[in-house]
């Protein structure tokens, strides 16, 4: 294993080798091991991942992860049929909810995106059907300025296209970087680094999907 590969992997006290970011914090480790990169098909879970990636913009993902149960309670389990019914009174209540990120723009975007999710379901039959059509056929390189030799990109052609299409459909807080983070989280791409014990798990689950 080369030095560059070593920097992208870490073996922990339990003897398991993981991606470099699934390291010391146990919340991160649990998320890395049990959820990140595993194929997601449930519409409400997909909507949750889209919304939480939007809330994460400019913040640490760990902050979002530790508040996730509060988000689920605040947004009706991310049932977009229910969230679409939220009104100004609900927004005012959410802005007082210290258990979530109290950002008016992101809260209102979540409600807006719930309406847009319903429109996608009406058109495609499910949010899942729409999302999985964007699965890349092969590994895509990073798109952006300067050299980028990290094994995990942050923006790709597909994330740019997905972001652009959803923006056309009226979705908010879903730029190409957020789109790629979403693709990673819900398993549209498998960015567990070669050598990570959970890369094969994600591959197996995708084949079984």
N, C-alpha and C. Protein backbone atom coordinates (compact mmCIF):
# COMPACT_ATOMS: atom_id res chain seq x y z
N UNK A 1 0.85 -1.20 0.00
CA UNK A 1 0.00 0.00 0.00
C UNK A 1 0.88 1.24 0.00
N UNK A 2 0.60 2.17 -0.88
CA UNK A 2 1.41 3.38 -0.98
C UNK A 2 1.09 4.34 0.13
N UNK A 3 1.98 5.34 0.30
CA UNK A 3 1.75 6.36 1.31
C UNK A 3 0.48 7.14 1.04
N UNK A 4 0.20 7.42 -0.26
CA UNK A 4 -1.00 8.19 -0.58
C UNK A 4 -2.25 7.41 -0.23
N UNK A 5 -2.19 6.08 -0.42
CA UNK A 5 -3.34 5.25 -0.06
C UNK A 5 -3.50 5.22 1.46
N UNK A 6 -2.36 5.14 2.17
CA UNK A 6 -2.41 5.10 3.62
C UNK A 6 -3.12 6.32 4.20
N UNK A 7 -2.94 7.49 3.59
CA UNK A 7 -3.56 8.70 4.11
C UNK A 7 -5.06 8.68 3.93
N UNK A 8 -5.58 7.83 3.06
CA UNK A 8 -7.01 7.78 2.80
C UNK A 8 -7.72 6.66 3.55
N UNK A 9 -6.95 5.90 4.31
CA UNK A 9 -7.48 4.80 5.09
C UNK A 9 -6.97 4.90 6.52
N UNK A 10 -7.72 4.31 7.44
CA UNK A 10 -7.26 4.29 8.82
C UNK A 10 -7.75 3.00 9.47
N UNK A 11 -6.85 2.29 10.11
CA UNK A 11 -7.21 1.08 10.84
C UNK A 11 -7.38 1.43 12.30
N UNK A 12 -8.50 1.05 12.87
CA UNK A 12 -8.84 1.45 14.24
C UNK A 12 -8.54 0.35 15.25
N UNK A 13 -8.84 0.65 16.49
CA UNK A 13 -8.52 -0.28 17.56
C UNK A 13 -9.30 -1.59 17.45
N UNK A 14 -10.42 -1.56 16.70
CA UNK A 14 -11.19 -2.79 16.50
C UNK A 14 -10.63 -3.63 15.36
N UNK A 15 -9.53 -3.18 14.76
CA UNK A 15 -8.89 -3.93 13.70
C UNK A 15 -9.51 -3.73 12.33
N UNK A 16 -10.51 -2.87 12.22
CA UNK A 16 -11.21 -2.64 10.96
C UNK A 16 -10.61 -1.42 10.25
N UNK A 17 -10.35 -1.58 8.97
CA UNK A 17 -9.82 -0.49 8.16
C UNK A 17 -10.98 0.26 7.50
N UNK A 18 -10.99 1.58 7.69
CA UNK A 18 -12.07 2.42 7.19
C UNK A 18 -11.52 3.58 6.37
N UNK A 19 -12.43 4.25 5.66
CA UNK A 19 -12.08 5.49 5.00
C UNK A 19 -11.56 6.47 6.04
N UNK A 20 -10.65 7.33 5.62
CA UNK A 20 -9.97 8.24 6.55
C UNK A 20 -10.93 9.05 7.40
N UNK A 21 -12.11 9.40 6.86
CA UNK A 21 -13.01 10.29 7.61
C UNK A 21 -13.85 9.55 8.65
N UNK A 22 -13.98 8.23 8.52
CA UNK A 22 -14.75 7.48 9.50
C UNK A 22 -13.87 7.10 10.67
N UNK A 23 -13.23 8.10 11.25
CA UNK A 23 -12.12 7.84 12.15
C UNK A 23 -12.49 7.81 13.62
N UNK A 24 -12.17 8.89 14.35
CA UNK A 24 -12.20 8.81 15.81
C UNK A 24 -13.59 8.99 16.42
N UNK A 25 -14.37 9.91 15.87
CA UNK A 25 -15.68 10.15 16.47
C UNK A 25 -16.61 8.96 16.22
N UNK A 26 -17.23 8.47 17.28
CA UNK A 26 -18.05 7.26 17.16
C UNK A 26 -19.32 7.50 16.34
N UNK A 27 -19.85 8.73 16.36
CA UNK A 27 -21.03 9.03 15.53
C UNK A 27 -20.66 8.94 14.05
N UNK A 28 -19.51 9.49 13.70
CA UNK A 28 -19.03 9.39 12.33
C UNK A 28 -18.81 7.93 11.96
N UNK A 29 -18.20 7.18 12.85
CA UNK A 29 -17.88 5.79 12.57
C UNK A 29 -19.14 4.97 12.32
N UNK A 30 -20.14 5.15 13.15
CA UNK A 30 -21.40 4.43 12.99
C UNK A 30 -22.05 4.78 11.65
N UNK A 31 -22.05 6.07 11.33
CA UNK A 31 -22.63 6.52 10.07
C UNK A 31 -21.87 5.94 8.89
N UNK A 32 -20.54 5.96 8.95
CA UNK A 32 -19.71 5.39 7.90
C UNK A 32 -19.97 3.91 7.72
N UNK A 33 -20.03 3.17 8.82
CA UNK A 33 -20.13 1.72 8.77
C UNK A 33 -21.52 1.23 8.37
N UNK A 34 -22.55 1.91 8.85
CA UNK A 34 -23.91 1.36 8.74
C UNK A 34 -24.80 2.06 7.72
N UNK A 35 -24.36 3.20 7.18
CA UNK A 35 -25.28 3.95 6.34
C UNK A 35 -24.65 4.55 5.09
N UNK A 36 -23.56 5.26 5.22
CA UNK A 36 -22.98 6.02 4.11
C UNK A 36 -22.62 5.12 2.93
N UNK A 37 -23.11 5.46 1.76
CA UNK A 37 -22.78 4.71 0.57
C UNK A 37 -23.65 3.51 0.30
N UNK A 38 -24.56 3.19 1.22
CA UNK A 38 -25.44 2.04 1.00
C UNK A 38 -26.66 2.49 0.19
N UNK A 39 -27.04 1.73 -0.83
CA UNK A 39 -28.13 2.13 -1.72
C UNK A 39 -29.43 2.41 -0.96
N UNK A 40 -29.99 3.58 -1.21
CA UNK A 40 -31.21 4.02 -0.56
C UNK A 40 -32.31 4.16 -1.60
N UNK A 41 -33.47 3.54 -1.33
CA UNK A 41 -34.58 3.59 -2.29
C UNK A 41 -35.86 4.15 -1.69
N UNK A 42 -35.91 4.28 -0.38
CA UNK A 42 -37.12 4.81 0.27
C UNK A 42 -37.25 6.30 -0.01
N UNK A 43 -38.39 6.73 -0.51
CA UNK A 43 -38.57 8.12 -0.91
C UNK A 43 -38.34 9.10 0.24
N UNK A 44 -38.85 8.78 1.42
CA UNK A 44 -38.71 9.71 2.55
C UNK A 44 -37.27 9.80 3.02
N UNK A 45 -36.53 8.68 2.96
CA UNK A 45 -35.12 8.71 3.35
C UNK A 45 -34.30 9.48 2.30
N UNK A 46 -34.67 9.34 1.06
CA UNK A 46 -33.99 10.12 0.02
C UNK A 46 -34.24 11.61 0.22
N UNK A 47 -35.48 11.96 0.53
CA UNK A 47 -35.80 13.36 0.76
C UNK A 47 -35.05 13.87 1.99
N UNK A 48 -34.97 13.06 3.01
CA UNK A 48 -34.22 13.43 4.21
C UNK A 48 -32.77 13.74 3.87
N UNK A 49 -32.15 12.86 3.09
CA UNK A 49 -30.74 13.06 2.75
C UNK A 49 -30.54 14.33 1.93
N UNK A 50 -31.45 14.61 1.01
CA UNK A 50 -31.36 15.84 0.24
C UNK A 50 -31.44 17.05 1.17
N UNK A 51 -32.42 17.03 2.06
CA UNK A 51 -32.63 18.17 2.95
C UNK A 51 -31.47 18.36 3.92
N UNK A 52 -30.99 17.28 4.51
CA UNK A 52 -29.91 17.40 5.49
C UNK A 52 -28.61 17.84 4.83
N UNK A 53 -28.38 17.40 3.61
CA UNK A 53 -27.19 17.88 2.90
C UNK A 53 -27.30 19.39 2.67
N UNK A 54 -28.52 19.87 2.41
CA UNK A 54 -28.74 21.30 2.26
C UNK A 54 -28.50 22.05 3.56
N UNK A 55 -28.98 21.50 4.66
CA UNK A 55 -28.77 22.12 5.97
C UNK A 55 -27.29 22.13 6.33
N UNK A 56 -26.55 21.12 5.85
CA UNK A 56 -25.14 21.01 6.20
C UNK A 56 -24.28 22.08 5.54
N UNK A 57 -24.76 22.66 4.45
CA UNK A 57 -23.97 23.63 3.70
C UNK A 57 -23.37 24.70 4.62
N UNK A 58 -22.04 24.78 4.63
CA UNK A 58 -21.34 25.75 5.47
C UNK A 58 -21.09 25.28 6.89
N UNK A 59 -21.53 24.07 7.21
CA UNK A 59 -21.40 23.54 8.58
C UNK A 59 -20.71 22.18 8.55
N UNK A 60 -20.38 21.68 9.73
CA UNK A 60 -19.83 20.34 9.86
C UNK A 60 -20.94 19.31 9.72
N UNK A 61 -20.65 18.22 8.99
CA UNK A 61 -21.65 17.15 8.89
C UNK A 61 -21.92 16.53 10.25
N UNK A 62 -20.94 16.53 11.13
CA UNK A 62 -21.14 15.97 12.46
C UNK A 62 -22.22 16.75 13.21
N UNK A 63 -22.27 18.06 13.01
CA UNK A 63 -23.31 18.88 13.64
C UNK A 63 -24.69 18.41 13.20
N UNK A 64 -24.84 18.15 11.90
CA UNK A 64 -26.12 17.70 11.36
C UNK A 64 -26.44 16.30 11.87
N UNK A 65 -25.44 15.43 11.86
CA UNK A 65 -25.65 14.05 12.27
C UNK A 65 -26.16 13.97 13.71
N UNK A 66 -25.60 14.80 14.59
CA UNK A 66 -26.01 14.77 15.99
C UNK A 66 -27.38 15.40 16.23
N UNK A 67 -27.85 16.16 15.25
CA UNK A 67 -29.18 16.77 15.35
C UNK A 67 -30.23 16.05 14.51
N UNK A 68 -29.85 14.95 13.89
CA UNK A 68 -30.73 14.33 12.91
C UNK A 68 -32.08 13.90 13.48
N UNK A 69 -32.09 13.33 14.67
CA UNK A 69 -33.37 12.91 15.24
C UNK A 69 -34.26 14.12 15.51
N UNK A 70 -33.65 15.24 15.89
CA UNK A 70 -34.43 16.46 16.08
C UNK A 70 -35.01 16.94 14.75
N UNK A 71 -34.21 16.85 13.68
CA UNK A 71 -34.70 17.20 12.36
C UNK A 71 -35.87 16.31 11.96
N UNK A 72 -35.76 15.03 12.22
CA UNK A 72 -36.82 14.09 11.85
C UNK A 72 -38.13 14.43 12.56
N UNK A 73 -38.02 14.78 13.84
CA UNK A 73 -39.24 15.16 14.58
C UNK A 73 -39.80 16.48 14.05
N UNK A 74 -38.92 17.42 13.75
CA UNK A 74 -39.35 18.74 13.30
C UNK A 74 -40.00 18.70 11.92
N UNK A 75 -39.54 17.77 11.08
CA UNK A 75 -40.03 17.71 9.70
C UNK A 75 -40.79 16.41 9.42
N UNK A 76 -41.56 15.96 10.38
CA UNK A 76 -42.51 14.86 10.19
C UNK A 76 -41.87 13.63 9.56
N UNK A 77 -40.67 13.28 10.05
CA UNK A 77 -39.99 12.12 9.50
C UNK A 77 -39.60 12.29 8.04
N UNK A 78 -39.56 13.54 7.59
CA UNK A 78 -39.26 13.89 6.21
C UNK A 78 -40.25 13.26 5.22
N UNK A 79 -41.48 13.11 5.70
CA UNK A 79 -42.59 12.76 4.82
C UNK A 79 -42.95 14.03 4.04
N UNK A 80 -42.53 14.11 2.80
CA UNK A 80 -42.71 15.36 2.06
C UNK A 80 -44.18 15.70 1.83
N UNK A 81 -45.06 14.71 1.91
CA UNK A 81 -46.49 15.00 1.81
C UNK A 81 -46.97 15.85 2.99
N UNK A 82 -46.39 15.59 4.15
CA UNK A 82 -46.74 16.36 5.35
C UNK A 82 -46.00 17.69 5.40
N UNK A 83 -44.72 17.66 5.04
CA UNK A 83 -43.92 18.89 5.08
C UNK A 83 -44.47 19.93 4.11
N UNK A 84 -45.03 19.49 3.00
CA UNK A 84 -45.59 20.42 2.02
C UNK A 84 -46.78 21.20 2.58
N UNK A 85 -47.34 20.73 3.67
CA UNK A 85 -48.48 21.40 4.29
C UNK A 85 -48.04 22.45 5.32
N UNK A 86 -46.75 22.55 5.59
CA UNK A 86 -46.26 23.51 6.57
C UNK A 86 -46.55 24.93 6.08
N UNK A 87 -46.83 25.80 7.04
CA UNK A 87 -47.16 27.19 6.72
C UNK A 87 -46.26 28.15 7.49
N UNK A 88 -46.61 29.43 7.45
CA UNK A 88 -45.78 30.44 8.13
C UNK A 88 -45.70 30.18 9.63
N UNK A 89 -46.76 29.68 10.20
CA UNK A 89 -46.74 29.37 11.63
C UNK A 89 -45.74 28.27 11.94
N UNK A 90 -45.70 27.26 11.08
CA UNK A 90 -44.71 26.19 11.26
C UNK A 90 -43.29 26.72 11.13
N UNK A 91 -43.07 27.61 10.17
CA UNK A 91 -41.75 28.19 9.99
C UNK A 91 -41.33 28.95 11.24
N UNK A 92 -42.25 29.73 11.80
CA UNK A 92 -41.97 30.49 13.02
C UNK A 92 -41.60 29.55 14.17
N UNK A 93 -42.30 28.43 14.28
CA UNK A 93 -42.01 27.46 15.33
C UNK A 93 -40.64 26.82 15.13
N UNK A 94 -40.32 26.50 13.89
CA UNK A 94 -39.04 25.87 13.58
C UNK A 94 -37.88 26.81 13.86
N UNK A 95 -38.10 28.10 13.65
CA UNK A 95 -37.05 29.09 13.93
C UNK A 95 -36.77 29.22 15.43
N UNK A 96 -37.67 28.71 16.24
CA UNK A 96 -37.48 28.70 17.70
C UNK A 96 -36.98 27.35 18.21
N UNK A 97 -36.82 26.41 17.31
CA UNK A 97 -36.43 25.04 17.69
C UNK A 97 -34.91 24.95 17.77
N UNK A 98 -34.37 24.94 18.97
CA UNK A 98 -32.92 24.91 19.15
C UNK A 98 -32.30 23.55 18.81
N UNK A 99 -33.14 22.56 18.57
CA UNK A 99 -32.64 21.23 18.25
C UNK A 99 -32.23 21.06 16.80
N UNK A 100 -32.57 22.04 15.95
CA UNK A 100 -32.21 21.98 14.55
C UNK A 100 -31.37 23.20 14.18
N UNK A 101 -31.04 23.34 12.91
CA UNK A 101 -30.35 24.52 12.42
C UNK A 101 -31.40 25.57 12.10
N UNK A 102 -31.39 26.66 12.84
CA UNK A 102 -32.46 27.67 12.69
C UNK A 102 -32.08 28.70 11.63
N UNK A 103 -32.15 28.26 10.41
CA UNK A 103 -31.80 29.09 9.26
C UNK A 103 -33.06 29.21 8.41
N UNK A 104 -33.62 30.40 8.35
CA UNK A 104 -34.90 30.58 7.67
C UNK A 104 -34.85 30.10 6.21
N UNK A 105 -33.79 30.47 5.51
CA UNK A 105 -33.69 30.08 4.11
C UNK A 105 -33.71 28.58 3.91
N UNK A 106 -32.99 27.86 4.77
CA UNK A 106 -32.92 26.41 4.65
C UNK A 106 -34.24 25.75 5.07
N UNK A 107 -34.88 26.31 6.08
CA UNK A 107 -36.18 25.79 6.51
C UNK A 107 -37.21 25.97 5.40
N UNK A 108 -37.26 27.17 4.85
CA UNK A 108 -38.22 27.44 3.78
C UNK A 108 -37.90 26.63 2.53
N UNK A 109 -36.62 26.40 2.28
CA UNK A 109 -36.23 25.57 1.14
C UNK A 109 -36.72 24.13 1.32
N UNK A 110 -36.67 23.63 2.54
CA UNK A 110 -37.15 22.27 2.82
C UNK A 110 -38.64 22.15 2.51
N UNK A 111 -39.40 23.15 2.90
CA UNK A 111 -40.84 23.14 2.63
C UNK A 111 -41.08 23.25 1.12
N UNK A 112 -40.37 24.14 0.48
CA UNK A 112 -40.47 24.28 -0.98
C UNK A 112 -40.12 22.96 -1.66
N UNK A 113 -39.04 22.33 -1.22
CA UNK A 113 -38.59 21.10 -1.86
C UNK A 113 -39.57 19.95 -1.64
N UNK A 114 -40.33 20.01 -0.56
CA UNK A 114 -41.37 18.99 -0.34
C UNK A 114 -42.42 19.08 -1.44
N UNK A 115 -42.80 20.29 -1.80
CA UNK A 115 -43.75 20.46 -2.92
C UNK A 115 -43.15 19.93 -4.22
N UNK A 116 -41.87 20.21 -4.41
CA UNK A 116 -41.21 19.78 -5.65
C UNK A 116 -41.06 18.25 -5.68
N UNK A 117 -40.87 17.63 -4.51
CA UNK A 117 -40.77 16.17 -4.44
C UNK A 117 -42.09 15.53 -4.86
N UNK A 118 -43.19 16.12 -4.42
CA UNK A 118 -44.51 15.61 -4.80
C UNK A 118 -44.69 15.69 -6.32
N UNK A 119 -44.21 16.77 -6.91
CA UNK A 119 -44.29 16.91 -8.37
C UNK A 119 -43.50 15.82 -9.08
N UNK A 120 -42.33 15.49 -8.52
CA UNK A 120 -41.51 14.43 -9.12
C UNK A 120 -42.22 13.08 -9.01
N UNK A 121 -42.82 12.83 -7.86
CA UNK A 121 -43.57 11.57 -7.68
C UNK A 121 -44.71 11.50 -8.69
N UNK A 122 -45.39 12.60 -8.90
CA UNK A 122 -46.49 12.63 -9.88
C UNK A 122 -45.98 12.32 -11.28
N UNK A 123 -44.77 12.77 -11.59
CA UNK A 123 -44.22 12.59 -12.94
C UNK A 123 -43.56 11.24 -13.13
N UNK A 124 -42.78 10.79 -12.13
CA UNK A 124 -41.96 9.58 -12.29
C UNK A 124 -42.50 8.37 -11.53
N UNK A 125 -43.46 8.58 -10.66
CA UNK A 125 -43.99 7.48 -9.86
C UNK A 125 -43.39 7.41 -8.48
N UNK A 126 -42.14 7.85 -8.36
CA UNK A 126 -41.48 7.89 -7.06
C UNK A 126 -40.25 8.78 -7.17
N UNK A 127 -39.81 9.28 -6.03
CA UNK A 127 -38.56 10.04 -6.00
C UNK A 127 -37.39 9.11 -6.30
N UNK A 128 -37.50 7.87 -5.85
CA UNK A 128 -36.48 6.86 -6.09
C UNK A 128 -36.23 6.66 -7.58
N UNK A 129 -37.29 6.52 -8.36
CA UNK A 129 -37.15 6.31 -9.80
C UNK A 129 -36.42 7.48 -10.45
N UNK A 130 -36.77 8.68 -10.04
CA UNK A 130 -36.11 9.86 -10.60
C UNK A 130 -34.63 9.89 -10.23
N UNK A 131 -34.32 9.68 -8.96
CA UNK A 131 -32.94 9.80 -8.48
C UNK A 131 -32.04 8.73 -9.11
N UNK A 132 -32.50 7.49 -9.16
CA UNK A 132 -31.61 6.42 -9.60
C UNK A 132 -31.32 6.46 -11.09
N UNK A 133 -32.06 7.26 -11.85
CA UNK A 133 -31.71 7.40 -13.26
C UNK A 133 -30.39 8.16 -13.44
N UNK A 134 -29.93 8.82 -12.35
CA UNK A 134 -28.70 9.60 -12.41
C UNK A 134 -27.47 8.79 -11.99
N UNK A 135 -27.61 7.51 -11.80
CA UNK A 135 -26.46 6.70 -11.40
C UNK A 135 -25.40 6.70 -12.51
N UNK A 136 -24.18 7.15 -12.22
CA UNK A 136 -23.13 7.17 -13.25
C UNK A 136 -22.76 5.75 -13.69
N UNK A 137 -22.43 5.61 -14.96
CA UNK A 137 -22.06 4.29 -15.47
C UNK A 137 -20.65 3.90 -15.04
N UNK A 138 -19.83 4.88 -14.71
CA UNK A 138 -18.45 4.60 -14.28
C UNK A 138 -17.98 5.72 -13.36
N UNK A 139 -16.82 5.51 -12.75
CA UNK A 139 -16.24 6.50 -11.85
C UNK A 139 -15.96 7.79 -12.61
N UNK A 140 -16.37 8.91 -12.04
CA UNK A 140 -16.18 10.20 -12.69
C UNK A 140 -15.11 11.02 -11.98
N UNK A 141 -14.34 11.79 -12.73
CA UNK A 141 -13.31 12.63 -12.11
C UNK A 141 -13.91 13.89 -11.50
N UNK A 142 -13.12 14.53 -10.67
CA UNK A 142 -13.51 15.82 -10.10
C UNK A 142 -13.59 16.87 -11.19
N UNK A 143 -14.58 17.74 -11.10
CA UNK A 143 -14.72 18.86 -12.02
C UNK A 143 -14.43 20.14 -11.24
N UNK A 144 -13.48 20.93 -11.70
CA UNK A 144 -13.20 22.18 -11.01
C UNK A 144 -11.84 22.72 -11.39
N UNK A 145 -11.46 23.81 -10.76
CA UNK A 145 -10.19 24.46 -11.06
C UNK A 145 -9.03 23.79 -10.32
N UNK A 146 -7.86 23.81 -10.93
CA UNK A 146 -6.65 23.33 -10.28
C UNK A 146 -6.52 21.82 -10.29
N UNK A 147 -5.40 21.34 -9.75
CA UNK A 147 -5.16 19.90 -9.67
C UNK A 147 -6.03 19.31 -8.57
N UNK A 148 -6.47 18.08 -8.80
CA UNK A 148 -7.29 17.42 -7.80
C UNK A 148 -6.98 15.94 -7.83
N UNK A 149 -6.07 15.52 -6.93
CA UNK A 149 -5.62 14.13 -6.96
C UNK A 149 -6.19 13.30 -5.81
N UNK A 150 -7.14 13.87 -5.09
CA UNK A 150 -7.77 13.10 -4.02
C UNK A 150 -8.66 12.03 -4.64
N UNK A 151 -8.71 10.83 -4.05
CA UNK A 151 -9.50 9.75 -4.65
C UNK A 151 -11.00 9.98 -4.62
N UNK A 152 -11.47 10.90 -3.80
CA UNK A 152 -12.91 11.17 -3.72
C UNK A 152 -13.18 12.59 -4.21
N UNK A 153 -13.94 12.73 -5.30
CA UNK A 153 -14.24 14.07 -5.82
C UNK A 153 -15.27 14.78 -4.96
N UNK A 154 -15.51 16.06 -5.25
CA UNK A 154 -16.57 16.80 -4.57
C UNK A 154 -17.60 17.33 -5.55
N UNK A 155 -17.23 17.41 -6.83
CA UNK A 155 -18.15 17.80 -7.90
C UNK A 155 -17.83 16.95 -9.13
N UNK A 156 -18.85 16.43 -9.77
CA UNK A 156 -18.67 15.67 -11.01
C UNK A 156 -19.67 16.17 -12.04
N UNK A 157 -19.52 15.68 -13.27
CA UNK A 157 -20.46 16.07 -14.32
C UNK A 157 -21.89 15.68 -13.95
N UNK A 158 -22.03 14.51 -13.35
CA UNK A 158 -23.37 14.06 -12.97
C UNK A 158 -23.95 14.92 -11.86
N UNK A 159 -23.14 15.27 -10.86
CA UNK A 159 -23.67 16.11 -9.78
C UNK A 159 -24.04 17.49 -10.30
N UNK A 160 -23.28 17.98 -11.26
CA UNK A 160 -23.64 19.26 -11.89
C UNK A 160 -24.96 19.14 -12.63
N UNK A 161 -25.13 18.05 -13.38
CA UNK A 161 -26.35 17.86 -14.17
C UNK A 161 -27.57 17.64 -13.26
N UNK A 162 -27.39 16.87 -12.19
CA UNK A 162 -28.48 16.62 -11.26
C UNK A 162 -28.91 17.92 -10.58
N UNK A 163 -27.92 18.69 -10.13
CA UNK A 163 -28.22 19.97 -9.49
C UNK A 163 -28.95 20.90 -10.46
N UNK A 164 -28.48 20.96 -11.68
CA UNK A 164 -29.09 21.83 -12.69
C UNK A 164 -30.53 21.42 -12.97
N UNK A 165 -30.76 20.11 -13.07
CA UNK A 165 -32.12 19.64 -13.37
C UNK A 165 -33.07 19.93 -12.23
N UNK A 166 -32.62 19.70 -10.99
CA UNK A 166 -33.50 19.97 -9.85
C UNK A 166 -33.75 21.47 -9.69
N UNK A 167 -32.76 22.28 -9.98
CA UNK A 167 -32.97 23.73 -9.91
C UNK A 167 -34.02 24.16 -10.94
N UNK A 168 -33.97 23.56 -12.13
CA UNK A 168 -34.99 23.85 -13.14
C UNK A 168 -36.38 23.47 -12.65
N UNK A 169 -36.43 22.44 -11.82
CA UNK A 169 -37.69 21.97 -11.28
C UNK A 169 -38.11 22.77 -10.04
N UNK A 170 -37.29 23.74 -9.66
CA UNK A 170 -37.66 24.62 -8.55
C UNK A 170 -37.08 24.27 -7.20
N UNK A 171 -36.19 23.28 -7.14
CA UNK A 171 -35.58 22.91 -5.87
C UNK A 171 -34.57 23.98 -5.45
N UNK A 172 -34.37 24.11 -4.14
CA UNK A 172 -33.46 25.12 -3.60
C UNK A 172 -32.41 24.46 -2.69
N UNK A 173 -31.30 25.16 -2.50
CA UNK A 173 -30.20 24.70 -1.66
C UNK A 173 -29.70 23.33 -2.10
N UNK A 174 -29.47 23.20 -3.40
CA UNK A 174 -28.98 21.93 -3.92
C UNK A 174 -28.02 22.18 -5.08
N UNK A 175 -26.84 22.74 -4.74
CA UNK A 175 -25.80 22.99 -5.73
C UNK A 175 -25.07 21.71 -6.07
N UNK A 176 -24.11 21.76 -7.00
CA UNK A 176 -23.41 20.55 -7.44
C UNK A 176 -22.58 19.87 -6.36
N UNK A 177 -22.01 20.63 -5.42
CA UNK A 177 -21.27 20.01 -4.32
C UNK A 177 -22.22 19.27 -3.38
N UNK A 178 -23.34 19.92 -3.05
CA UNK A 178 -24.36 19.28 -2.22
C UNK A 178 -24.90 18.05 -2.92
N UNK A 179 -25.10 18.16 -4.23
CA UNK A 179 -25.62 17.04 -5.01
C UNK A 179 -24.68 15.84 -4.94
N UNK A 180 -23.36 16.09 -5.02
CA UNK A 180 -22.43 14.96 -4.98
C UNK A 180 -22.39 14.34 -3.58
N UNK A 181 -22.43 15.17 -2.55
CA UNK A 181 -22.47 14.64 -1.18
C UNK A 181 -23.70 13.77 -0.99
N UNK A 182 -24.81 14.19 -1.57
CA UNK A 182 -26.04 13.39 -1.52
C UNK A 182 -25.85 12.07 -2.26
N UNK A 183 -25.25 12.13 -3.45
CA UNK A 183 -25.02 10.91 -4.23
C UNK A 183 -24.16 9.91 -3.46
N UNK A 184 -23.18 10.42 -2.75
CA UNK A 184 -22.33 9.55 -1.92
C UNK A 184 -23.14 8.94 -0.78
N UNK A 185 -23.89 9.78 -0.10
CA UNK A 185 -24.60 9.34 1.10
C UNK A 185 -25.64 8.27 0.79
N UNK A 186 -26.36 8.42 -0.35
CA UNK A 186 -27.46 7.49 -0.63
C UNK A 186 -27.06 6.34 -1.55
N UNK A 187 -25.76 6.27 -1.89
CA UNK A 187 -25.26 5.11 -2.61
C UNK A 187 -25.36 5.17 -4.11
N UNK A 188 -25.63 6.34 -4.66
CA UNK A 188 -25.64 6.46 -6.12
C UNK A 188 -24.23 6.27 -6.67
N UNK A 189 -23.24 6.62 -5.85
CA UNK A 189 -21.84 6.28 -6.12
C UNK A 189 -21.30 5.60 -4.87
N UNK A 190 -20.28 4.79 -5.06
CA UNK A 190 -19.64 4.11 -3.93
C UNK A 190 -18.25 4.70 -3.73
N UNK A 191 -18.14 5.64 -2.81
CA UNK A 191 -16.86 6.31 -2.57
C UNK A 191 -16.14 5.80 -1.34
N UNK A 192 -16.50 4.61 -0.86
CA UNK A 192 -15.64 3.97 0.12
C UNK A 192 -14.31 3.68 -0.58
N UNK A 193 -13.22 4.12 0.01
CA UNK A 193 -11.91 3.99 -0.63
C UNK A 193 -11.51 2.52 -0.77
N UNK A 194 -10.78 2.21 -1.85
CA UNK A 194 -10.24 0.86 -2.01
C UNK A 194 -9.46 0.48 -0.75
N UNK A 195 -9.81 -0.64 -0.17
CA UNK A 195 -9.16 -1.07 1.05
C UNK A 195 -10.04 -0.89 2.27
N UNK A 196 -11.09 -0.07 2.15
CA UNK A 196 -12.04 0.11 3.24
C UNK A 196 -12.88 -1.16 3.37
N UNK A 197 -13.08 -1.62 4.59
CA UNK A 197 -13.82 -2.86 4.82
C UNK A 197 -15.26 -2.79 4.36
N UNK A 198 -15.78 -1.59 4.16
CA UNK A 198 -17.19 -1.44 3.83
C UNK A 198 -17.45 -1.15 2.35
N UNK A 199 -16.39 -1.06 1.58
CA UNK A 199 -16.57 -0.86 0.14
C UNK A 199 -17.28 -2.06 -0.49
N UNK A 200 -16.84 -3.25 -0.13
CA UNK A 200 -17.46 -4.46 -0.66
C UNK A 200 -18.90 -4.62 -0.23
N UNK A 201 -19.21 -4.17 0.97
CA UNK A 201 -20.59 -4.24 1.46
C UNK A 201 -21.51 -3.43 0.56
N UNK A 202 -21.07 -2.21 0.24
CA UNK A 202 -21.87 -1.34 -0.63
C UNK A 202 -22.02 -1.93 -2.02
N UNK A 203 -20.96 -2.53 -2.53
CA UNK A 203 -21.01 -3.15 -3.85
C UNK A 203 -22.03 -4.30 -3.85
N UNK A 204 -21.98 -5.13 -2.85
CA UNK A 204 -22.89 -6.27 -2.74
C UNK A 204 -24.34 -5.80 -2.66
N UNK A 205 -24.59 -4.79 -1.86
CA UNK A 205 -25.96 -4.30 -1.71
C UNK A 205 -26.48 -3.69 -3.01
N UNK A 206 -25.60 -3.04 -3.77
CA UNK A 206 -26.03 -2.47 -5.05
C UNK A 206 -26.39 -3.58 -6.03
N UNK A 207 -25.63 -4.65 -6.05
CA UNK A 207 -25.92 -5.77 -6.94
C UNK A 207 -27.25 -6.42 -6.59
N UNK A 208 -27.58 -6.40 -5.32
CA UNK A 208 -28.81 -7.05 -4.85
C UNK A 208 -30.04 -6.16 -5.03
N UNK A 209 -29.80 -4.89 -5.33
CA UNK A 209 -30.90 -3.92 -5.41
C UNK A 209 -31.83 -4.27 -6.57
